[in-house]
């Protein structure tokens, strides 16, 4: 008998009751997680005039993209919407700028701090590191008022620098996350770079960072999702339309409806636009996040 004839039965599928129950529970969790997203997408694709007629249907009878055209400013605004419609195309651009500035700054400065804590020995380095990590226990809401007062005194309200100033330097989680990876860097690589005349920064930039590209990418993804979904701080300091991000634009769109009757189709279209970048990011790089977390020192 050839090996090919044995292979199909070499690893038989064992459908035990426990396995069936586990798969059923997993399917239930997936349905519960995706169902709200599907309802959001369905509402965004339904014409405004037939929204309530199709409210009980899981699949829309009539599909239209007019709601997306309206919120992007590519089609006439529905009379039910406010006289000054929200520019979601501009809000998307602002969210992209805010996310890139925040993530770029946090990754760079957190990597510098993490490498210093991992490799540079100085008096009190361990104590300072643990005090720095202890900052994660401080509720973020406590820092909003002093940060807002500082940004206001600097004259940075309704500016991108005011929106990114509190978070652009570093975060305790990012420093801790990268430090665990940098501790695993073979010292031989750094010693070889120093023998070749590389400065500490050159060693960090040309040797250590390329070795941990996967960790850097994972951190960037996690920070991007957090920055993209951030609402409260951009709402406090960036209400002006020129710097308003998607989360703030959605809140403004909902509160500006006339007669207390929200434009549900337009609101859901804007919501879909705001979550599509996050879904694409997770679909493309979600596995890398899981693998890096498993490999890191979070064990």
Protein backbone atom coordinates (compact mmCIF):
# COMPACT_ATOMS: atom_id res chain seq x y z
CA UNK A 1 0.00 0.00 0.00
CA UNK A 2 1.40 3.36 -0.96
CA UNK A 3 1.82 6.25 1.42
CA UNK A 4 -0.71 8.31 -0.47
CA UNK A 5 -3.41 5.74 0.25
CA UNK A 6 -2.72 5.92 3.98
CA UNK A 7 -2.59 9.71 4.30
CA UNK A 8 -6.35 10.41 4.15
CA UNK A 9 -6.97 8.22 7.22
CA UNK A 10 -3.74 9.09 9.03
CA UNK A 11 -5.32 11.95 10.97
CA UNK A 12 -9.01 11.16 11.42
CA UNK A 13 -11.29 13.98 12.58
CA UNK A 14 -12.55 13.23 16.06
CA UNK A 15 -15.94 14.86 16.64
CA UNK A 16 -16.29 14.47 20.36
CA UNK A 17 -19.18 16.15 22.21
CA UNK A 18 -16.75 18.57 23.82
CA UNK A 19 -15.27 19.55 20.45
CA UNK A 20 -18.74 20.06 18.94
CA UNK A 21 -19.76 22.21 21.91
CA UNK A 22 -16.59 24.28 21.63
CA UNK A 23 -17.15 24.92 17.91
CA UNK A 24 -20.79 25.82 18.56
CA UNK A 25 -19.80 28.31 21.26
CA UNK A 26 -17.13 29.79 19.00
CA UNK A 27 -19.67 30.17 16.17
CA UNK A 28 -22.07 31.85 18.59
CA UNK A 29 -19.42 34.31 19.72
CA UNK A 30 -18.55 35.13 16.10
CA UNK A 31 -22.20 35.74 15.22
CA UNK A 32 -22.73 37.94 18.30
CA UNK A 33 -19.60 39.95 17.43
CA UNK A 34 -20.36 40.44 13.74
CA UNK A 35 -24.12 40.91 13.93
CA UNK A 36 -23.98 44.59 15.06
CA UNK A 37 -21.51 45.32 12.26
CA UNK A 38 -23.85 43.72 9.73
CA UNK A 39 -26.83 45.75 10.99
CA UNK A 40 -24.73 48.91 10.69
CA UNK A 41 -23.73 48.06 7.13
CA UNK A 42 -27.29 47.07 6.19
CA UNK A 43 -28.70 50.34 7.51
CA UNK A 44 -26.08 52.31 5.60
CA UNK A 45 -27.08 50.58 2.35
CA UNK A 46 -30.84 51.09 2.73
CA UNK A 47 -32.56 54.14 1.17
CA UNK A 48 -33.75 56.65 3.75
CA UNK A 49 -37.33 56.48 2.50
CA UNK A 50 -37.59 52.71 3.06
CA UNK A 51 -35.49 52.40 6.21
CA UNK A 52 -38.33 51.56 8.62
CA UNK A 53 -40.07 49.32 6.09
CA UNK A 54 -36.94 47.12 5.95
CA UNK A 55 -36.05 47.38 9.64
CA UNK A 56 -36.99 43.77 10.40
CA UNK A 57 -35.15 42.31 7.39
CA UNK A 58 -31.65 40.92 7.74
CA UNK A 59 -30.89 41.50 4.06
CA UNK A 60 -31.90 44.80 2.39
CA UNK A 61 -34.35 44.51 -0.48
CA UNK A 62 -33.09 47.66 -2.17
CA UNK A 63 -29.41 48.60 -1.96
CA UNK A 64 -28.06 52.11 -2.54
CA UNK A 65 -24.77 53.95 -2.08
CA UNK A 66 -26.43 57.36 -1.86
CA UNK A 67 -25.91 57.49 1.91
CA UNK A 68 -22.15 57.20 1.48
CA UNK A 69 -22.21 59.81 -1.28
CA UNK A 70 -24.15 62.18 0.99
CA UNK A 71 -21.80 61.96 3.95
CA UNK A 72 -18.77 62.30 1.68
CA UNK A 73 -20.24 65.39 0.05
CA UNK A 74 -20.62 63.74 -3.36
CA UNK A 75 -24.42 63.98 -3.47
CA UNK A 76 -27.10 66.48 -2.34
CA UNK A 77 -27.78 66.50 1.39
CA UNK A 78 -31.05 65.02 2.62
CA UNK A 79 -33.47 67.73 3.81
CA UNK A 80 -33.67 65.96 7.17
CA UNK A 81 -29.98 66.66 7.82
CA UNK A 82 -28.71 69.93 9.30
CA UNK A 83 -28.08 73.05 7.21
CA UNK A 84 -24.33 72.71 7.84
CA UNK A 85 -23.58 69.05 7.03
CA UNK A 86 -20.58 67.28 8.48
CA UNK A 87 -17.71 66.82 6.04
CA UNK A 88 -16.78 63.18 6.67
CA UNK A 89 -14.14 63.21 3.93
CA UNK A 90 -12.30 65.95 5.83
CA UNK A 91 -12.84 64.07 9.09
CA UNK A 92 -11.27 60.95 7.56
CA UNK A 93 -8.24 62.98 6.54
CA UNK A 94 -7.98 64.51 10.02
CA UNK A 95 -8.22 61.07 11.65
CA UNK A 96 -5.42 59.84 9.40
CA UNK A 97 -3.20 62.81 10.30
CA UNK A 98 -3.97 62.47 14.02
CA UNK A 99 -3.26 58.73 13.97
CA UNK A 100 -0.01 59.03 12.01
CA UNK A 101 1.35 61.79 14.26
CA UNK A 102 0.38 60.00 17.47
CA UNK A 103 1.60 56.55 16.43
CA UNK A 104 4.79 57.77 14.78
CA UNK A 105 5.81 59.79 17.82
CA UNK A 106 4.89 57.12 20.35
CA UNK A 107 6.70 54.34 18.50
CA UNK A 108 9.90 56.34 18.03
CA UNK A 109 10.20 57.85 21.51
CA UNK A 110 8.95 54.71 23.26
CA UNK A 111 11.56 52.67 21.39
CA UNK A 112 14.29 55.05 22.57
CA UNK A 113 13.11 54.84 26.19
CA UNK A 114 12.68 51.06 26.01
CA UNK A 115 16.21 50.57 24.66
CA UNK A 116 17.60 52.79 27.40
CA UNK A 117 15.83 50.77 30.10
CA UNK A 118 16.89 47.47 28.50
CA UNK A 119 20.59 48.16 27.85
CA UNK A 120 21.82 51.33 29.58
CA UNK A 121 22.64 50.88 33.24
CA UNK A 122 22.47 53.98 35.41
CA UNK A 123 21.74 54.73 39.05
CA UNK A 124 18.12 53.96 39.88
CA UNK A 125 17.26 52.65 36.41
CA UNK A 126 15.17 49.77 37.76
CA UNK A 127 13.32 51.99 40.25
CA UNK A 128 12.62 54.61 37.58
CA UNK A 129 11.35 51.92 35.19
CA UNK A 130 8.89 50.49 37.72
CA UNK A 131 7.73 53.97 38.69
CA UNK A 132 7.18 54.67 35.01
CA UNK A 133 5.18 51.47 34.59
CA UNK A 134 3.16 52.36 37.69
CA UNK A 135 1.79 55.28 35.70
CA UNK A 136 -0.48 52.78 33.94
CA UNK A 137 -2.51 52.62 37.17
CA UNK A 138 -3.39 56.33 36.97
CA UNK A 139 -6.83 56.75 35.37
CA UNK A 140 -6.63 58.73 32.15
CA UNK A 141 -9.56 60.91 33.21
CA UNK A 142 -7.40 62.37 36.01
CA UNK A 143 -4.98 63.86 33.47
CA UNK A 144 -7.56 65.45 31.18
CA UNK A 145 -8.06 68.66 33.18
CA UNK A 146 -4.35 69.56 33.70
CA UNK A 147 -3.59 68.65 30.08
CA UNK A 148 -6.49 70.76 28.84
CA UNK A 149 -5.38 73.76 30.93
CA UNK A 150 -1.84 73.42 29.57
CA UNK A 151 -3.00 73.16 25.95
CA UNK A 152 -5.28 76.17 26.41
CA UNK A 153 -2.49 78.27 27.92
CA UNK A 154 -0.25 77.36 25.00
CA UNK A 155 -2.95 78.49 22.57
CA UNK A 156 -3.16 75.06 20.95
CA UNK A 157 -6.91 74.51 21.08
CA UNK A 158 -8.36 73.32 17.75
CA UNK A 159 -4.92 72.44 16.42
CA UNK A 160 -3.26 69.13 15.62
CA UNK A 161 -0.35 69.87 17.96
CA UNK A 162 -2.80 70.33 20.82
CA UNK A 163 -4.53 67.05 19.99
CA UNK A 164 -1.35 64.96 19.85
CA UNK A 165 0.77 66.72 22.51
CA UNK A 166 -0.24 64.55 25.53
CA UNK A 167 0.38 61.23 23.76
CA UNK A 168 2.97 61.84 21.05
CA UNK A 169 6.04 61.25 23.23
CA UNK A 170 5.49 57.80 24.73
CA UNK A 171 3.18 55.57 26.75
CA UNK A 172 4.05 53.19 29.60
CA UNK A 173 2.58 50.21 27.75
CA UNK A 174 4.63 50.90 24.62
CA UNK A 175 7.84 51.23 26.62
CA UNK A 176 7.20 48.02 28.55
CA UNK A 177 6.19 46.13 25.40
CA UNK A 178 9.33 47.07 23.44
CA UNK A 179 11.67 46.67 26.43
CA UNK A 180 10.73 43.00 26.69
CA UNK A 181 11.77 42.48 23.07
CA UNK A 182 14.97 44.50 23.37
CA UNK A 183 16.04 42.40 26.36
CA UNK A 184 16.00 39.35 24.08
CA UNK A 185 18.38 40.94 21.53
CA UNK A 186 21.65 38.97 21.32
CA UNK A 187 24.36 41.12 22.86
CA UNK A 188 26.83 39.79 20.31
CA UNK A 189 25.11 41.84 17.60
CA UNK A 190 25.46 45.05 19.58
CA UNK A 191 29.05 44.29 20.55
CA UNK A 192 29.95 43.64 16.92
CA UNK A 193 28.42 46.99 15.97
CA UNK A 194 30.44 48.78 18.65
CA UNK A 195 33.64 47.10 17.48
CA UNK A 196 32.91 48.45 14.01
CA UNK A 197 32.70 51.94 15.52
CA UNK A 198 28.94 52.37 15.74
CA UNK A 199 27.64 54.85 18.30
CA UNK A 200 24.92 53.74 20.75
CA UNK A 201 22.24 55.46 18.66
CA UNK A 202 23.62 53.92 15.46
CA UNK A 203 23.53 50.50 17.12
CA UNK A 204 19.96 51.09 18.21
CA UNK A 205 18.83 52.37 14.81
CA UNK A 206 20.69 50.03 12.44
CA UNK A 207 20.96 46.82 14.48
CA UNK A 208 18.31 46.56 17.22
CA UNK A 209 15.31 48.03 15.43
CA UNK A 210 15.66 45.91 12.24
CA UNK A 211 15.84 42.77 14.38
CA UNK A 212 12.51 43.62 16.00
CA UNK A 213 10.57 44.90 12.99
CA UNK A 214 7.71 42.57 13.82
CA UNK A 215 7.40 43.96 17.36
CA UNK A 216 7.51 47.54 16.06
CA UNK A 217 4.80 46.75 13.51
CA UNK A 218 2.63 45.10 16.16
CA UNK A 219 2.93 48.07 18.50
CA UNK A 220 2.13 50.44 15.65
CA UNK A 221 -1.04 48.47 14.86
CA UNK A 222 -2.23 48.47 18.47
CA UNK A 223 -1.54 52.19 18.87
CA UNK A 224 -3.20 52.96 15.53
CA UNK A 225 -6.44 51.29 16.59
CA UNK A 226 -6.40 53.14 19.90
CA UNK A 227 -5.67 56.53 18.29
CA UNK A 228 -8.22 56.04 15.50
CA UNK A 229 -11.00 55.29 18.00
CA UNK A 230 -10.00 58.00 20.50
CA UNK A 231 -12.88 60.35 21.22
CA UNK A 232 -12.80 62.25 24.50
CA UNK A 233 -9.51 64.15 24.12
CA UNK A 234 -10.07 65.12 20.45
CA UNK A 235 -13.59 66.15 21.48
CA UNK A 236 -12.21 68.50 24.14
CA UNK A 237 -9.50 70.22 22.11
CA UNK A 238 -10.44 69.60 18.46
CA UNK A 239 -14.08 70.54 17.89
CA UNK A 240 -13.34 72.86 14.97
CA UNK A 241 -14.29 71.35 11.60
CA UNK A 242 -10.76 71.86 10.25
CA UNK A 243 -9.27 69.39 12.78
CA UNK A 244 -12.32 67.32 13.76
CA UNK A 245 -11.66 63.55 13.61
CA UNK A 246 -14.15 60.84 12.64
CA UNK A 247 -15.28 59.94 16.16
CA UNK A 248 -16.04 63.59 16.95
CA UNK A 249 -17.66 64.11 13.54
CA UNK A 250 -20.04 61.21 14.16
CA UNK A 251 -21.08 62.67 17.52
CA UNK A 252 -21.60 66.10 15.95
CA UNK A 253 -23.62 64.58 13.11
CA UNK A 254 -25.94 62.84 15.54
CA UNK A 255 -26.52 65.91 17.75
CA UNK A 256 -27.26 68.26 14.84
CA UNK A 257 -30.32 66.43 13.55
CA UNK A 258 -33.52 68.41 13.39
CA UNK A 259 -36.62 67.67 15.47
CA UNK A 260 -34.84 64.90 17.34
CA UNK A 261 -35.14 62.58 14.34
CA UNK A 262 -31.66 61.25 13.53
CA UNK A 263 -30.62 60.56 9.97
CA UNK A 264 -29.94 56.90 10.72
CA UNK A 265 -28.83 55.94 7.22
CA UNK A 266 -26.33 58.79 7.04
CA UNK A 267 -25.12 58.12 10.57
CA UNK A 268 -24.57 54.43 9.82
CA UNK A 269 -22.79 55.30 6.56
CA UNK A 270 -20.40 57.52 8.49
CA UNK A 271 -19.93 54.77 11.06
CA UNK A 272 -19.03 52.25 8.36
CA UNK A 273 -16.47 54.69 6.96
CA UNK A 274 -14.92 55.01 10.41
CA UNK A 275 -14.60 51.28 11.11
CA UNK A 276 -13.44 50.08 7.69
CA UNK A 277 -9.79 51.16 8.22
CA UNK A 278 -9.67 49.34 11.57
CA UNK A 279 -11.16 46.16 10.10
CA UNK A 280 -8.71 46.21 7.19
CA UNK A 281 -5.82 46.70 9.62
CA UNK A 282 -6.92 43.77 11.78
CA UNK A 283 -7.56 41.46 8.82
CA UNK A 284 -4.14 42.14 7.30
CA UNK A 285 -2.03 42.18 10.47
CA UNK A 286 -4.15 40.56 13.20
CA UNK A 287 -2.13 37.33 13.21
CA UNK A 288 1.12 39.25 13.61
CA UNK A 289 -0.28 40.94 16.72
CA UNK A 290 -1.16 37.60 18.30
CA UNK A 291 2.19 36.02 17.41
CA UNK A 292 4.18 38.95 18.79
CA UNK A 293 2.20 39.02 22.03
CA UNK A 294 2.84 35.30 22.49
CA UNK A 295 6.55 35.73 21.81
CA UNK A 296 7.04 38.78 24.02
CA UNK A 297 7.86 38.78 27.68
CA UNK A 298 4.19 38.96 28.65
CA UNK A 299 4.47 35.42 29.95
